[in-house]
PDB file of N, CA and C in Angstrom:
ATOM      1  N   MET A   1      -2.470   6.722  -2.531  1.00  0.00           N
ATOM      2  CA  MET A   1      -3.260   5.729  -3.209  1.00  0.00           C
ATOM      3  C   MET A   1      -4.124   5.036  -2.150  1.00  0.00           C
ATOM      4  N   SER A   2      -5.386   4.829  -2.473  1.00  0.00           N
ATOM      5  CA  SER A   2      -6.264   4.144  -1.540  1.00  0.00           C
ATOM      6  C   SER A   2      -6.639   2.788  -2.112  1.00  0.00           C
ATOM      7  N   GLY A   3      -7.029   1.884  -1.236  1.00  0.00           N
ATOM      8  CA  GLY A   3      -7.426   0.564  -1.673  1.00  0.00           C
ATOM      9  C   GLY A   3      -7.594  -0.392  -0.514  1.00  0.00           C
ATOM     10  N   VAL A   4      -7.619  -1.662  -0.873  1.00  0.00           N
ATOM     11  CA  VAL A   4      -7.804  -2.743   0.095  1.00  0.00           C
ATOM     12  C   VAL A   4      -6.503  -3.530   0.209  1.00  0.00           C
ATOM     13  N   LEU A   5      -6.067  -3.760   1.428  1.00  0.00           N
ATOM     14  CA  LEU A   5      -4.878  -4.578   1.665  1.00  0.00           C
ATOM     15  C   LEU A   5      -5.257  -6.031   1.400  1.00  0.00           C
ATOM     16  N   ILE A   6      -4.681  -6.624   0.358  1.00  0.00           N
ATOM     17  CA  ILE A   6      -5.065  -7.999  -0.007  1.00  0.00           C
ATOM     18  C   ILE A   6      -4.042  -9.033   0.442  1.00  0.00           C
ATOM     19  N   GLU A   7      -2.880  -8.570   0.840  1.00  0.00           N
ATOM     20  CA  GLU A   7      -1.843  -9.501   1.308  1.00  0.00           C
ATOM     21  C   GLU A   7      -0.898  -8.750   2.227  1.00  0.00           C
ATOM     22  N   ARG A   8      -0.455  -9.423   3.267  1.00  0.00           N
ATOM     23  CA  ARG A   8       0.554  -8.849   4.159  1.00  0.00           C
ATOM     24  C   ARG A   8       1.480  -9.969   4.607  1.00  0.00           C
ATOM     25  N   LYS A   9       2.756  -9.774   4.403  1.00  0.00           N
ATOM     26  CA  LYS A   9       3.747 -10.769   4.809  1.00  0.00           C
ATOM     27  C   LYS A   9       4.117 -10.564   6.265  1.00  0.00           C
ATOM     28  N   ALA A  10       4.810 -11.536   6.820  1.00  0.00           N
ATOM     29  CA  ALA A  10       5.262 -11.456   8.214  1.00  0.00           C
ATOM     30  C   ALA A  10       6.294 -10.339   8.380  1.00  0.00           C
ATOM     31  N   LEU A  11       6.260  -9.705   9.533  1.00  0.00           N
ATOM     32  CA  LEU A  11       7.225  -8.656   9.860  1.00  0.00           C
ATOM     33  C   LEU A  11       8.623  -9.252   9.879  1.00  0.00           C
ATOM     34  N   ARG A  12       9.561  -8.525   9.287  1.00  0.00           N
ATOM     35  CA  ARG A  12      10.967  -8.948   9.315  1.00  0.00           C
ATOM     36  C   ARG A  12      11.808  -7.740   9.698  1.00  0.00           C
ATOM     37  N   TYR A  13      13.094  -7.964   9.879  1.00  0.00           N
ATOM     38  CA  TYR A  13      13.999  -6.891  10.292  1.00  0.00           C
ATOM     39  C   TYR A  13      15.215  -6.855   9.383  1.00  0.00           C
ATOM     40  N   THR A  14      15.707  -5.657   9.096  1.00  0.00           N
ATOM     41  CA  THR A  14      16.944  -5.512   8.335  1.00  0.00           C
ATOM     42  C   THR A  14      18.112  -5.914   9.236  1.00  0.00           C
ATOM     43  N   PRO A  15      19.310  -6.107   8.668  1.00  0.00           N
ATOM     44  CA  PRO A  15      20.472  -6.408   9.513  1.00  0.00           C
ATOM     45  C   PRO A  15      20.733  -5.329  10.567  1.00  0.00           C
ATOM     46  N   ALA A  16      20.284  -4.098  10.292  1.00  0.00           N
ATOM     47  CA  ALA A  16      20.465  -3.006  11.260  1.00  0.00           C
ATOM     48  C   ALA A  16      19.347  -2.963  12.298  1.00  0.00           C
ATOM     49  N   GLY A  17      18.391  -3.897  12.199  1.00  0.00           N
ATOM     50  CA  GLY A  17      17.317  -3.973  13.185  1.00  0.00           C
ATOM     51  C   GLY A  17      16.087  -3.133  12.870  1.00  0.00           C
ATOM     52  N   VAL A  18      15.991  -2.602  11.654  1.00  0.00           N
ATOM     53  CA  VAL A  18      14.831  -1.790  11.258  1.00  0.00           C
ATOM     54  C   VAL A  18      13.696  -2.717  10.834  1.00  0.00           C
ATOM     55  N   PRO A  19      12.485  -2.541  11.404  1.00  0.00           N
ATOM     56  CA  PRO A  19      11.365  -3.389  11.005  1.00  0.00           C
ATOM     57  C   PRO A  19      10.913  -3.096   9.569  1.00  0.00           C
ATOM     58  N   VAL A  20      10.536  -4.168   8.850  1.00  0.00           N
ATOM     59  CA  VAL A  20      10.080  -4.070   7.465  1.00  0.00           C
ATOM     60  C   VAL A  20       8.798  -4.891   7.327  1.00  0.00           C
ATOM     61  N   SER A  21       7.785  -4.282   6.728  1.00  0.00           N
ATOM     62  CA  SER A  21       6.537  -4.987   6.442  1.00  0.00           C
ATOM     63  C   SER A  21       6.212  -4.797   4.967  1.00  0.00           C
ATOM     64  N   GLU A  22       5.792  -5.872   4.312  1.00  0.00           N
ATOM     65  CA  GLU A  22       5.445  -5.816   2.895  1.00  0.00           C
ATOM     66  C   GLU A  22       4.060  -6.391   2.684  1.00  0.00           C
ATOM     67  N   GLY A  23       3.420  -5.950   1.615  1.00  0.00           N
ATOM     68  CA  GLY A  23       2.103  -6.466   1.275  1.00  0.00           C
ATOM     69  C   GLY A  23       1.707  -6.052  -0.122  1.00  0.00           C
ATOM     70  N   ARG A  24       0.402  -6.211  -0.436  1.00  0.00           N
ATOM     71  CA  ARG A  24      -0.142  -5.809  -1.736  1.00  0.00           C
ATOM     72  C   ARG A  24      -1.431  -5.042  -1.497  1.00  0.00           C
ATOM     73  N   LEU A  25      -1.606  -3.983  -2.281  1.00  0.00           N
ATOM     74  CA  LEU A  25      -2.782  -3.130  -2.189  1.00  0.00           C
ATOM     75  C   LEU A  25      -3.543  -3.216  -3.513  1.00  0.00           C
ATOM     76  N   ARG A  26      -4.877  -3.420  -3.433  1.00  0.00           N
ATOM     77  CA  ARG A  26      -5.717  -3.422  -4.629  1.00  0.00           C
ATOM     78  C   ARG A  26      -6.496  -2.106  -4.660  1.00  0.00           C
ATOM     79  N   HIS A  27      -6.354  -1.371  -5.760  1.00  0.00           N
ATOM     80  CA  HIS A  27      -7.023  -0.079  -5.942  1.00  0.00           C
ATOM     81  C   HIS A  27      -8.099  -0.215  -7.006  1.00  0.00           C
ATOM     82  N   GLU A  28      -9.275   0.365  -6.748  1.00  0.00           N
ATOM     83  CA  GLU A  28     -10.355   0.441  -7.730  1.00  0.00           C
ATOM     84  C   GLU A  28     -10.984   1.819  -7.629  1.00  0.00           C
ATOM     85  N   SER A  29     -11.167   2.473  -8.788  1.00  0.00           N
ATOM     86  CA  SER A  29     -11.846   3.762  -8.817  1.00  0.00           C
ATOM     87  C   SER A  29     -12.412   3.982 -10.217  1.00  0.00           C
ATOM     88  N   GLU A  30     -13.288   4.963 -10.332  1.00  0.00           N
ATOM     89  CA  GLU A  30     -13.802   5.340 -11.638  1.00  0.00           C
ATOM     90  C   GLU A  30     -13.393   6.771 -11.919  1.00  0.00           C
ATOM     91  N   LEU A  31     -12.756   6.969 -13.067  1.00  0.00           N
ATOM     92  CA  LEU A  31     -12.267   8.280 -13.480  1.00  0.00           C
ATOM     93  C   LEU A  31     -12.785   8.597 -14.877  1.00  0.00           C
ATOM     94  N   THR A  32     -12.573   9.803 -15.305  1.00  0.00           N
ATOM     95  CA  THR A  32     -12.941  10.199 -16.663  1.00  0.00           C
ATOM     96  C   THR A  32     -11.678  10.329 -17.491  1.00  0.00           C
ATOM     97  N   GLU A  33     -11.684   9.666 -18.651  1.00  0.00           N
ATOM     98  CA  GLU A  33     -10.557   9.740 -19.578  1.00  0.00           C
ATOM     99  C   GLU A  33     -11.126  10.019 -20.963  1.00  0.00           C
ATOM    100  N   ALA A  34     -10.652  11.068 -21.606  1.00  0.00           N
ATOM    101  CA  ALA A  34     -11.129  11.471 -22.932  1.00  0.00           C
ATOM    102  C   ALA A  34     -12.645  11.643 -22.936  1.00  0.00           C
ATOM    103  N   GLY A  35     -13.176  12.172 -21.822  1.00  0.00           N
ATOM    104  CA  GLY A  35     -14.600  12.440 -21.724  1.00  0.00           C
ATOM    105  C   GLY A  35     -15.475  11.232 -21.436  1.00  0.00           C
ATOM    106  N   LYS A  36     -14.889  10.087 -21.224  1.00  0.00           N
ATOM    107  CA  LYS A  36     -15.636   8.844 -20.971  1.00  0.00           C
ATOM    108  C   LYS A  36     -15.259   8.274 -19.602  1.00  0.00           C
ATOM    109  N   PRO A  37     -16.241   7.696 -18.908  1.00  0.00           N
ATOM    110  CA  PRO A  37     -15.905   7.062 -17.625  1.00  0.00           C
ATOM    111  C   PRO A  37     -15.039   5.821 -17.845  1.00  0.00           C
ATOM    112  N   ARG A  38     -14.107   5.636 -16.942  1.00  0.00           N
ATOM    113  CA  ARG A  38     -13.208   4.482 -17.039  1.00  0.00           C
ATOM    114  C   ARG A  38     -13.020   3.895 -15.651  1.00  0.00           C
ATOM    115  N   LEU A  39     -13.181   2.585 -15.551  1.00  0.00           N
ATOM    116  CA  LEU A  39     -12.914   1.873 -14.308  1.00  0.00           C
ATOM    117  C   LEU A  39     -11.422   1.591 -14.242  1.00  0.00           C
ATOM    118  N   VAL A  40     -10.797   2.044 -13.171  1.00  0.00           N
ATOM    119  CA  VAL A  40      -9.360   1.848 -12.978  1.00  0.00           C
ATOM    120  C   VAL A  40      -9.171   0.799 -11.901  1.00  0.00           C
ATOM    121  N   GLU A  41      -8.448  -0.254 -12.222  1.00  0.00           N
ATOM    122  CA  GLU A  41      -8.161  -1.328 -11.271  1.00  0.00           C
ATOM    123  C   GLU A  41      -6.685  -1.679 -11.389  1.00  0.00           C
ATOM    124  N   CYS A  42      -6.026  -1.828 -10.260  1.00  0.00           N
ATOM    125  CA  CYS A  42      -4.638  -2.266 -10.274  1.00  0.00           C
ATOM    126  C   CYS A  42      -4.274  -2.823  -8.903  1.00  0.00           C
ATOM    127  N   GLU A  43      -3.194  -3.568  -8.884  1.00  0.00           N
ATOM    128  CA  GLU A  43      -2.595  -4.053  -7.637  1.00  0.00           C
ATOM    129  C   GLU A  43      -1.147  -3.607  -7.635  1.00  0.00           C
ATOM    130  N   ILE A  44      -0.669  -3.235  -6.457  1.00  0.00           N
ATOM    131  CA  ILE A  44       0.718  -2.808  -6.343  1.00  0.00           C
ATOM    132  C   ILE A  44       1.298  -3.299  -5.023  1.00  0.00           C
ATOM    133  N   GLY A  45       2.554  -3.652  -5.070  1.00  0.00           N
ATOM    134  CA  GLY A  45       3.251  -4.028  -3.847  1.00  0.00           C
ATOM    135  C   GLY A  45       3.506  -2.802  -2.993  1.00  0.00           C
ATOM    136  N   VAL A  46       3.438  -2.982  -1.684  1.00  0.00           N
ATOM    137  CA  VAL A  46       3.740  -1.901  -0.748  1.00  0.00           C
ATOM    138  C   VAL A  46       4.820  -2.382   0.218  1.00  0.00           C
ATOM    139  N   ILE A  47       5.666  -1.446   0.638  1.00  0.00           N
ATOM    140  CA  ILE A  47       6.708  -1.767   1.606  1.00  0.00           C
ATOM    141  C   ILE A  47       6.796  -0.621   2.606  1.00  0.00           C
ATOM    142  N   ALA A  48       6.916  -0.977   3.863  1.00  0.00           N
ATOM    143  CA  ALA A  48       6.991   0.020   4.934  1.00  0.00           C
ATOM    144  C   ALA A  48       8.168  -0.327   5.844  1.00  0.00           C
ATOM    145  N   LEU A  49       8.880   0.700   6.276  1.00  0.00           N
ATOM    146  CA  LEU A  49      10.011   0.521   7.187  1.00  0.00           C
ATOM    147  C   LEU A  49       9.804   1.352   8.440  1.00  0.00           C
ATOM    148  N   GLY A  50      10.417   0.927   9.524  1.00  0.00           N
ATOM    149  CA  GLY A  50      10.366   1.673  10.780  1.00  0.00           C
ATOM    150  C   GLY A  50       8.967   1.702  11.373  1.00  0.00           C
ATOM    151  N   ASP A  51       8.542   2.877  11.848  1.00  0.00           N
ATOM    152  CA  ASP A  51       7.220   3.009  12.469  1.00  0.00           C
ATOM    153  C   ASP A  51       6.105   2.648  11.498  1.00  0.00           C
ATOM    154  N   SER A  52       6.262   3.000  10.220  1.00  0.00           N
ATOM    155  CA  SER A  52       5.240   2.664   9.219  1.00  0.00           C
ATOM    156  C   SER A  52       5.060   1.159   9.093  1.00  0.00           C
ATOM    157  N   ALA A  53       6.146   0.403   9.284  1.00  0.00           N
ATOM    158  CA  ALA A  53       6.059  -1.058   9.214  1.00  0.00           C
ATOM    159  C   ALA A  53       5.159  -1.597  10.319  1.00  0.00           C
ATOM    160  N   GLN A  54       5.252  -1.006  11.500  1.00  0.00           N
ATOM    161  CA  GLN A  54       4.402  -1.445  12.613  1.00  0.00           C
ATOM    162  C   GLN A  54       2.928  -1.176  12.300  1.00  0.00           C
ATOM    163  N   TRP A  55       2.640  -0.007  11.683  1.00  0.00           N
ATOM    164  CA  TRP A  55       1.257   0.326  11.320  1.00  0.00           C
ATOM    165  C   TRP A  55       0.726  -0.620  10.252  1.00  0.00           C
ATOM    166  N   LEU A  56       1.537  -0.894   9.221  1.00  0.00           N
ATOM    167  CA  LEU A  56       1.103  -1.806   8.166  1.00  0.00           C
ATOM    168  C   LEU A  56       0.903  -3.204   8.734  1.00  0.00           C
ATOM    169  N   GLN A  57       1.760  -3.601   9.628  1.00  0.00           N
ATOM    170  CA  GLN A  57       1.667  -4.934  10.224  1.00  0.00           C
ATOM    171  C   GLN A  57       0.386  -5.085  11.036  1.00  0.00           C
ATOM    172  N   SER A  58      -0.105  -3.998  11.619  1.00  0.00           N
ATOM    173  CA  SER A  58      -1.322  -4.078  12.430  1.00  0.00           C
ATOM    174  C   SER A  58      -2.590  -4.070  11.590  1.00  0.00           C
ATOM    175  N   ALA A  59      -2.468  -3.787  10.294  1.00  0.00           N
ATOM    176  CA  ALA A  59      -3.638  -3.746   9.413  1.00  0.00           C
ATOM    177  C   ALA A  59      -4.104  -5.156   9.069  1.00  0.00           C
ATOM    178  N   ALA A  60      -5.402  -5.348   9.087  1.00  0.00           N
ATOM    179  CA  ALA A  60      -5.970  -6.647   8.734  1.00  0.00           C
ATOM    180  C   ALA A  60      -6.112  -6.759   7.222  1.00  0.00           C
ATOM    181  N   ALA A  61      -5.858  -7.944   6.680  1.00  0.00           N
ATOM    182  CA  ALA A  61      -6.111  -8.176   5.259  1.00  0.00           C
ATOM    183  C   ALA A  61      -7.586  -7.909   5.003  1.00  0.00           C
ATOM    184  N   GLY A  62      -7.882  -7.228   3.912  1.00  0.00           N
ATOM    185  CA  GLY A  62      -9.245  -6.847   3.590  1.00  0.00           C
ATOM    186  C   GLY A  62      -9.601  -5.467   4.090  1.00  0.00           C
ATOM    187  N   GLY A  63      -8.713  -4.853   4.863  1.00  0.00           N
ATOM    188  CA  GLY A  63      -8.959  -3.516   5.397  1.00  0.00           C
ATOM    189  C   GLY A  63      -8.706  -2.437   4.359  1.00  0.00           C
ATOM    190  N   ARG A  64      -9.554  -1.420   4.358  1.00  0.00           N
ATOM    191  CA  ARG A  64      -9.392  -0.273   3.453  1.00  0.00           C
ATOM    192  C   ARG A  64      -8.435   0.736   4.080  1.00  0.00           C
ATOM    193  N   MET A  65      -7.576   1.294   3.236  1.00  0.00           N
ATOM    194  CA  MET A  65      -6.603   2.265   3.722  1.00  0.00           C
ATOM    195  C   MET A  65      -6.185   3.208   2.611  1.00  0.00           C
ATOM    196  N   LYS A  66      -5.638   4.331   3.020  1.00  0.00           N
ATOM    197  CA  LYS A  66      -5.021   5.283   2.104  1.00  0.00           C
ATOM    198  C   LYS A  66      -3.551   5.336   2.482  1.00  0.00           C
ATOM    199  N   ILE A  67      -2.695   5.109   1.496  1.00  0.00           N
ATOM    200  CA  ILE A  67      -1.261   5.109   1.736  1.00  0.00           C
ATOM    201  C   ILE A  67      -0.648   6.322   1.047  1.00  0.00           C
ATOM    202  N   ILE A  68       0.074   7.093   1.816  1.00  0.00           N
ATOM    203  CA  ILE A  68       0.819   8.232   1.288  1.00  0.00           C
ATOM    204  C   ILE A  68       2.284   7.807   1.273  1.00  0.00           C
ATOM    205  N   GLY A  69       2.931   7.987   0.138  1.00  0.00           N
ATOM    206  CA  GLY A  69       4.316   7.570   0.017  1.00  0.00           C
ATOM    207  C   GLY A  69       4.864   7.897  -1.353  1.00  0.00           C
ATOM    208  N   PHE A  70       5.774   7.060  -1.824  1.00  0.00           N
ATOM    209  CA  PHE A  70       6.401   7.296  -3.126  1.00  0.00           C
ATOM    210  C   PHE A  70       6.656   5.972  -3.824  1.00  0.00           C
ATOM    211  N   LEU A  71       6.743   6.031  -5.151  1.00  0.00           N
ATOM    212  CA  LEU A  71       7.057   4.855  -5.955  1.00  0.00           C
ATOM    213  C   LEU A  71       8.559   4.765  -6.169  1.00  0.00           C
ATOM    214  N   ALA A  72       9.070   3.554  -6.085  1.00  0.00           N
ATOM    215  CA  ALA A  72      10.479   3.297  -6.372  1.00  0.00           C
ATOM    216  C   ALA A  72      10.604   1.858  -6.855  1.00  0.00           C
ATOM    217  N   SER A  73      11.714   1.544  -7.477  1.00  0.00           N
ATOM    218  CA  SER A  73      11.964   0.172  -7.914  1.00  0.00           C
ATOM    219  C   SER A  73      12.063  -0.747  -6.704  1.00  0.00           C
ATOM    220  N   ARG A  74      11.636  -1.992  -6.888  1.00  0.00           N
ATOM    221  CA  ARG A  74      11.687  -2.969  -5.809  1.00  0.00           C
ATOM    222  C   ARG A  74      13.106  -3.152  -5.288  1.00  0.00           C
ATOM    223  N   SER A  75      14.075  -3.210  -6.196  1.00  0.00           N
ATOM    224  CA  SER A  75      15.478  -3.401  -5.803  1.00  0.00           C
ATOM    225  C   SER A  75      16.386  -2.947  -6.947  1.00  0.00           C
ATOM    226  N   ARG A  76      17.663  -3.063  -6.739  1.00  0.00           N
ATOM    227  CA  ARG A  76      18.609  -2.737  -7.817  1.00  0.00           C
ATOM    228  C   ARG A  76      18.446  -3.672  -9.003  1.00  0.00           C
ATOM    229  N   ASN A  77      18.018  -4.898  -8.723  1.00  0.00           N
ATOM    230  CA  ASN A  77      17.894  -5.910  -9.782  1.00  0.00           C
ATOM    231  C   ASN A  77      16.502  -5.998 -10.378  1.00  0.00           C
ATOM    232  N   SER A  78      15.530  -5.311  -9.810  1.00  0.00           N
ATOM    233  CA  SER A  78      14.157  -5.361 -10.297  1.00  0.00           C
ATOM    234  C   SER A  78      13.632  -3.951 -10.514  1.00  0.00           C
ATOM    235  N   ARG A  79      13.161  -3.671 -11.700  1.00  0.00           N
ATOM    236  CA  ARG A  79      12.622  -2.354 -12.026  1.00  0.00           C
ATOM    237  C   ARG A  79      11.128  -2.271 -11.701  1.00  0.00           C
ATOM    238  N   GLN A  80      10.555  -3.349 -11.168  1.00  0.00           N
ATOM    239  CA  GLN A  80       9.140  -3.359 -10.811  1.00  0.00           C
ATOM    240  C   GLN A  80       8.881  -2.323  -9.710  1.00  0.00           C
ATOM    241  N   PRO A  81       7.873  -1.442  -9.902  1.00  0.00           N
ATOM    242  CA  PRO A  81       7.618  -0.419  -8.887  1.00  0.00           C
ATOM    243  C   PRO A  81       6.913  -0.978  -7.653  1.00  0.00           C
ATOM    244  N   VAL A  82       7.234  -0.413  -6.511  1.00  0.00           N
ATOM    245  CA  VAL A  82       6.526  -0.691  -5.264  1.00  0.00           C
ATOM    246  C   VAL A  82       6.233   0.660  -4.604  1.00  0.00           C
ATOM    247  N   LEU A  83       5.167   0.698  -3.828  1.00  0.00           N
ATOM    248  CA  LEU A  83       4.773   1.908  -3.120  1.00  0.00           C
ATOM    249  C   LEU A  83       5.420   1.886  -1.739  1.00  0.00           C
ATOM    250  N   HIS A  84       6.321   2.819  -1.483  1.00  0.00           N
ATOM    251  CA  HIS A  84       6.984   2.927  -0.191  1.00  0.00           C
ATOM    252  C   HIS A  84       6.111   3.774   0.727  1.00  0.00           C
ATOM    253  N   VAL A  85       5.734   3.219   1.855  1.00  0.00           N
ATOM    254  CA  VAL A  85       4.794   3.848   2.772  1.00  0.00           C
ATOM    255  C   VAL A  85       5.486   4.895   3.638  1.00  0.00           C
ATOM    256  N   GLU A  86       4.920   6.093   3.634  1.00  0.00           N
ATOM    257  CA  GLU A  86       5.355   7.127   4.570  1.00  0.00           C
ATOM    258  C   GLU A  86       4.293   7.357   5.637  1.00  0.00           C
ATOM    259  N   ARG A  87       3.017   7.203   5.239  1.00  0.00           N
ATOM    260  CA  ARG A  87       1.916   7.380   6.192  1.00  0.00           C
ATOM    261  C   ARG A  87       0.736   6.523   5.752  1.00  0.00           C
ATOM    262  N   ILE A  88      -0.001   5.978   6.728  1.00  0.00           N
ATOM    263  CA  ILE A  88      -1.183   5.168   6.460  1.00  0.00           C
ATOM    264  C   ILE A  88      -2.373   5.799   7.159  1.00  0.00           C
ATOM    265  N   GLU A  89      -3.471   5.912   6.431  1.00  0.00           N
ATOM    266  CA  GLU A  89      -4.743   6.341   7.015  1.00  0.00           C
ATOM    267  C   GLU A  89      -5.713   5.181   6.853  1.00  0.00           C
ATOM    268  N   PHE A  90      -6.214   4.657   7.955  1.00  0.00           N
ATOM    269  CA  PHE A  90      -7.179   3.569   7.914  1.00  0.00           C
ATOM    270  C   PHE A  90      -8.540   4.164   7.610  1.00  0.00           C
ATOM    271  N   LEU A  91      -9.256   3.596   6.636  1.00  0.00           N
ATOM    272  CA  LEU A  91     -10.505   4.159   6.150  1.00  0.00           C
ATOM    273  C   LEU A  91     -11.733   3.467   6.717  1.00  0.00           C
ATOM    274  N   GLU A  92     -11.581   2.476   7.538  1.00  0.00           N
ATOM    275  CA  GLU A  92     -12.728   1.781   8.134  1.00  0.00           C
ATOM    276  C   GLU A  92     -13.601   2.769   8.866  1.00  0.00           C
ATOM    277  N   GLY A  93     -14.908   2.694   8.641  1.00  0.00           N
ATOM    278  CA  GLY A  93     -15.844   3.542   9.342  1.00  0.00           C
ATOM    279  C   GLY A  93     -16.001   4.924   8.747  1.00  0.00           C
ATOM    280  N   ASN A  94     -15.262   5.256   7.675  1.00  0.00           N
ATOM    281  CA  ASN A  94     -15.363   6.577   7.073  1.00  0.00           C
ATOM    282  C   ASN A  94     -16.313   6.627   5.883  1.00  0.00           C
ATOM    283  N   GLU A  95     -16.920   5.506   5.499  1.00  0.00           N
ATOM    284  CA  GLU A  95     -17.763   5.473   4.321  1.00  0.00           C
ATOM    285  C   GLU A  95     -19.012   6.336   4.483  1.00  0.00           C
ATOM    286  N   ASN A  96     -19.488   6.519   5.710  1.00  0.00           N
ATOM    287  CA  ASN A  96     -20.725   7.268   5.950  1.00  0.00           C
ATOM    288  C   ASN A  96     -20.450   8.682   6.436  1.00  0.00           C
ATOM    289  N   GLY A  97     -19.285   9.178   6.210  1.00  0.00           N
ATOM    290  CA  GLY A  97     -18.967  10.547   6.584  1.00  0.00           C
ATOM    291  C   GLY A  97     -18.295  10.591   7.900  1.00  0.00           C
TER     292      GLY A  97
END
């Protein structure tokens, strides 16, 4: 999923010492649905652990990125989906080829 990082929380660590970074990504694109153009807009929480957390932490709010990962529930008590980061590609400077 690609988009703009609109929020990033402070880096924290699990009890085992694994770095964790969380934030929110805003996605906007135009797709075709039932033969008609449709503007798709959404925001989703993102969470990164380990090396990915360091990369997410270094990203500036407002920066464009592509996140490769998987969707999972936020926690055992919350069924809200979050995007778990496996890899980040920073898109700054790629707009012109």
